[in-house]
Structures are given as structure tokens and as C-alpha cells.
Amino acid sequence: MEITVMTYAHPLWEKTIAFAEKCSWRAGAFLAGMMRENKFSDIERVLVAHEGDNIVGFCTLSEKDSLPEDSEYTPFIGFVFVDENCRGKRVSEKMINEACKYADDIGYKAVYIMSGEHGLYEKYGFEKIGELETIYGDVDQLFRRTL
């Protein structure tokens, strides 16, 4: 299993779009659209878990998530998804760790995740720092991992 940090020029970009479009999570199609239109800033990346050319998961590192534009928190790990056949193999953990390494390499001291999940991200070294209203009008938990 390999985790690759990608931009639109990477050979696995199109395969990741196809995988995201067909995955069982509805947010996958949204990410696929963002990738197709290359809606990423210079520092933002898509991370892909793969075995050769076989995509098994993805996540992103982005400047913003579902918080208002004036939010002080950045960057965010988002769109964490692992194919059902590969769950239980620590793929999410590997992708998250690689996203944290990339964020650290480009100078960040912490990364954040917005999520409704309870007990998931804490096992990856994140601490819940609050509950915040999102741009969609709902409330999600904000987690931070210091790098």
C-alpha cells in the first residue's frame, strides 16, 4: 500500500477522479468535480491510497473546510474515504499521517478536521477543540492535531 500526495499533473489523478465518482460516499462525486475543475490552491493536495494503479482511498489537505472564510483555522484534512473492501487495514491512518507530514513540510504547526464522528480521529492524535457552526448551518466538531 502506497500513499501518494498529488496535484492535477500526477498520473493517478484521472484514476482517482473515476474512483471518487463511483465510490459509495456521496461526497466522492463532489470531490471528483473539484478535481476535474482543478479547484485547488497551490498548497492544497489530494492524497491517494493505492496498490499499483488500484485506488483504495483518498483524502485532501486544503486551506479551508466547511467553516466561514474568516475562520482562523487552517489547513484541513478532508474527504477521508477508504473502499469498503480495504477497511480495517489502517488506510485512513496512513493517509492522515501522510497529510500531516506534508502540512509540516510546508510549514504548518497543526492540522484540523471537521467531523461528526465520535472517537475516530482521537485515535489518530487529534483532540476535539470545540463545536462550530458550518457554512451549511449545522454544527460539527473541530479537531486539531499538533505537528
Protein backbone atom coordinates (compact mmCIF):
# COMPACT_ATOMS: atom_id res chain seq x y z
CA MET A 1 0.00 0.00 0.00
CA GLU A 2 1.35 3.37 -1.02
CA ILE A 3 0.12 6.87 -0.18
CA THR A 4 0.81 9.49 -2.85
CA VAL A 5 0.43 13.25 -2.46
CA MET A 6 -0.86 14.57 -5.80
CA THR A 7 -1.59 17.62 -7.87
CA TYR A 8 -3.52 17.60 -11.15
CA ALA A 9 -0.39 16.66 -13.11
CA HIS A 10 0.02 13.28 -11.39
CA PRO A 11 -0.58 10.10 -13.46
CA LEU A 12 -3.11 8.79 -10.87
CA TRP A 13 -5.22 11.99 -10.98
CA GLU A 14 -7.76 10.73 -13.55
CA LYS A 15 -7.99 7.27 -11.93
CA THR A 16 -8.69 8.94 -8.59
CA ILE A 17 -11.44 11.04 -10.17
CA ALA A 18 -13.05 7.86 -11.57
CA PHE A 19 -12.74 6.10 -8.20
CA ALA A 20 -14.23 9.07 -6.31
CA GLU A 21 -17.16 9.33 -8.76
CA LYS A 22 -18.07 5.67 -8.26
CA CYS A 23 -17.42 5.35 -4.52
CA SER A 24 -20.28 4.68 -2.11
CA TRP A 25 -19.96 8.07 -0.37
CA ARG A 26 -21.87 10.93 -1.97
CA ALA A 27 -19.08 13.40 -1.18
CA GLY A 28 -16.86 11.42 -3.55
CA ALA A 29 -18.71 12.81 -6.56
CA PHE A 30 -18.26 16.33 -5.19
CA LEU A 31 -14.51 15.79 -4.80
CA ALA A 32 -14.35 14.30 -8.32
CA GLY A 33 -15.91 17.51 -9.67
CA MET A 34 -13.41 19.65 -7.77
CA MET A 35 -10.57 17.55 -9.17
CA ARG A 36 -11.92 17.70 -12.71
CA GLU A 37 -12.06 21.51 -12.49
CA ASN A 38 -8.76 21.66 -10.54
CA LYS A 39 -10.26 23.78 -7.76
CA PHE A 40 -7.21 23.62 -5.52
CA SER A 41 -4.80 26.31 -4.38
CA ASP A 42 -1.05 26.00 -4.75
CA ILE A 43 -0.62 24.31 -1.35
CA GLU A 44 -3.68 22.06 -1.49
CA ARG A 45 -3.30 18.39 -2.37
CA VAL A 46 -5.28 15.22 -2.96
CA LEU A 47 -3.78 12.17 -1.29
CA VAL A 48 -4.49 8.75 -2.72
CA ALA A 49 -4.00 5.31 -1.22
CA HIS A 50 -3.22 2.76 -3.89
CA GLU A 51 -1.72 -0.59 -4.66
CA GLY A 52 -0.07 0.00 -8.02
CA ASP A 53 -2.79 1.59 -10.17
CA ASN A 54 -5.61 0.24 -7.96
CA ILE A 55 -7.07 3.14 -5.94
CA VAL A 56 -8.38 2.17 -2.48
CA GLY A 57 -8.85 5.53 -0.75
CA PHE A 58 -8.39 9.28 -0.80
CA CYS A 59 -8.34 12.39 1.33
CA THR A 60 -7.39 16.03 0.86
CA LEU A 61 -5.36 18.70 2.55
CA SER A 62 -6.98 22.08 1.94
CA GLU A 63 -6.81 25.59 3.31
CA LYS A 64 -10.49 25.71 4.29
CA ASP A 65 -13.27 23.27 5.05
CA SER A 66 -16.87 23.92 6.00
CA LEU A 67 -16.14 26.91 8.24
CA PRO A 68 -16.72 30.54 7.24
CA GLU A 69 -13.98 32.19 5.14
CA ASP A 70 -12.81 34.34 8.08
CA SER A 71 -12.05 31.26 10.20
CA GLU A 72 -8.62 31.30 11.81
CA TYR A 73 -8.16 27.53 11.43
CA THR A 74 -6.10 26.10 8.58
CA PRO A 75 -5.22 23.69 6.95
CA PHE A 76 -7.82 20.91 6.98
CA ILE A 77 -7.77 17.23 6.23
CA GLY A 78 -11.00 16.36 4.47
CA PHE A 79 -12.79 13.92 2.18
CA VAL A 80 -11.36 10.91 4.04
CA PHE A 81 -12.66 7.78 2.31
CA VAL A 82 -11.49 4.16 2.12
CA ASP A 83 -13.07 1.50 -0.08
CA GLU A 84 -15.20 -0.90 1.94
CA ASN A 85 -13.01 -3.88 0.92
CA CYS A 86 -9.91 -2.23 2.40
CA ARG A 87 -11.27 -1.01 5.71
CA GLY A 88 -9.63 -2.27 8.89
CA LYS A 89 -6.15 -2.07 7.33
CA ARG A 90 -5.26 1.37 8.76
CA VAL A 91 -5.51 3.05 5.36
CA SER A 92 -7.17 6.17 6.81
CA GLU A 93 -4.44 6.44 9.41
CA LYS A 94 -1.73 6.17 6.76
CA MET A 95 -3.35 8.86 4.59
CA ILE A 96 -3.87 11.18 7.57
CA ASN A 97 -0.27 10.73 8.70
CA GLU A 98 0.98 11.50 5.19
CA ALA A 99 -1.25 14.61 5.01
CA CYS A 100 0.18 15.73 8.37
CA LYS A 101 3.73 15.16 7.11
CA TYR A 102 3.03 17.23 4.01
CA ALA A 103 1.48 20.04 6.12
CA ASP A 104 4.51 20.00 8.42
CA ASP A 105 6.89 20.05 5.43
CA ILE A 106 5.27 23.24 4.11
CA GLY A 107 5.43 24.97 7.50
CA TYR A 108 2.18 24.36 9.35
CA LYS A 109 2.26 23.64 13.09
CA ALA A 110 -1.18 21.97 13.29
CA VAL A 111 -3.88 20.46 11.08
CA TYR A 112 -7.64 20.38 11.59
CA ILE A 113 -10.56 18.11 10.79
CA MET A 114 -14.26 18.93 10.88
CA SER A 115 -16.34 15.84 11.59
CA GLY A 116 -19.47 14.46 13.18
CA GLU A 117 -17.64 11.22 14.04
CA HIS A 118 -17.07 10.45 17.71
CA GLY A 119 -13.96 8.57 18.81
CA LEU A 120 -12.46 8.20 15.34
CA TYR A 121 -9.95 11.00 14.94
CA GLU A 122 -8.79 10.97 18.57
CA LYS A 123 -7.08 7.64 17.89
CA TYR A 124 -5.03 9.40 15.18
CA GLY A 125 -3.70 12.01 17.61
CA PHE A 126 -6.41 14.66 17.22
CA GLU A 127 -8.07 16.45 20.11
CA LYS A 128 -11.55 17.92 19.99
CA ILE A 129 -11.27 21.66 20.49
CA GLY A 130 -14.89 22.64 20.04
CA GLU A 131 -18.12 22.52 18.12
CA LEU A 132 -18.60 25.16 15.47
CA GLU A 133 -21.35 26.19 13.09
CA THR A 134 -20.53 25.36 9.49
CA ILE A 135 -21.31 27.34 6.35
CA TYR A 136 -24.20 24.89 5.86
CA GLY A 137 -25.90 25.96 9.10
CA ASP A 138 -25.22 22.78 11.05
CA VAL A 139 -22.75 22.18 13.87
CA ASP A 140 -19.70 19.92 13.56
CA GLN A 141 -16.85 19.04 15.85
CA LEU A 142 -13.48 20.67 15.23
CA PHE A 143 -10.41 18.52 15.87
CA ARG A 144 -6.76 19.63 15.95
CA ARG A 145 -3.53 17.66 15.71
CA THR A 146 -0.36 19.49 16.62
CA LEU A 147 2.53 18.69 14.29
